[in-house]
């Protein structure tokens, strides 16, 4: 089945071997599909079912690649993994690279994303209950209107990540570092940012009165946002400049 997957992807890219980086993108997609196929197998699907589900996950790649005058940018956009609208409870996403991935409106309860690269991915209206994000690259990642109860965030990169309208109550972000991260309209009751470090972080349209920032270090911009959110900043250290 793996060879069939590779052949399928090669067939998609065959007309575009002269497109810059097309070969690299073909290899990337093949590797991603291989991992996805094995994930389906681990979930108990038969070879044929896992193959079909994997092929279906490619989404609109075939149509896009088949369009005339395909440009490099369009091709890169095509090679995205779409995990939206799927039941993927307790899935193993450890150490995967899913740049620009879409995890929208999916049930991902208990899934493990440790050591993954989720740059510019989106989690919109998804169930992330008890998911694990340890040592994950969340650069540019968007969490919007998703259930985050019991989620573990540890040693992640949050550069330009955004949390919008998510319930982050009780979540621990202790010792994490945030760079140009945005928290907007989130519930943060009893969330903890103890000893965290903030650079140009925005806290907008939320109440931070019951959030623990003990030992945190932050620049003036972050401090001003948190002051407006009524946070207790009596035990934080104000720093100068960014990273």
Foldseek 3Di string as FASTA:
>chain_A
DLVVLLVVLCVLCVVPPVAPCSVVLSVLLSVVLVVQLVQVVVVPDDNVVSVVVSVVQLPCLSVQSPDPPRHPVSNVVSSAGEQDPEEQEQTEQDLEEGEQYEHENYEHHNYENENYEHHLYEYHQYEDHLYEYEQYECHNYEYENYECHNYAHYNYACHQYEYYQYECDCYEPEQEEYHQYEYENYHHANYEHDLYEYENYAYYHEAACRYHHANYEYEPNRVVRVVVNVYPCVRYHYDDHGD
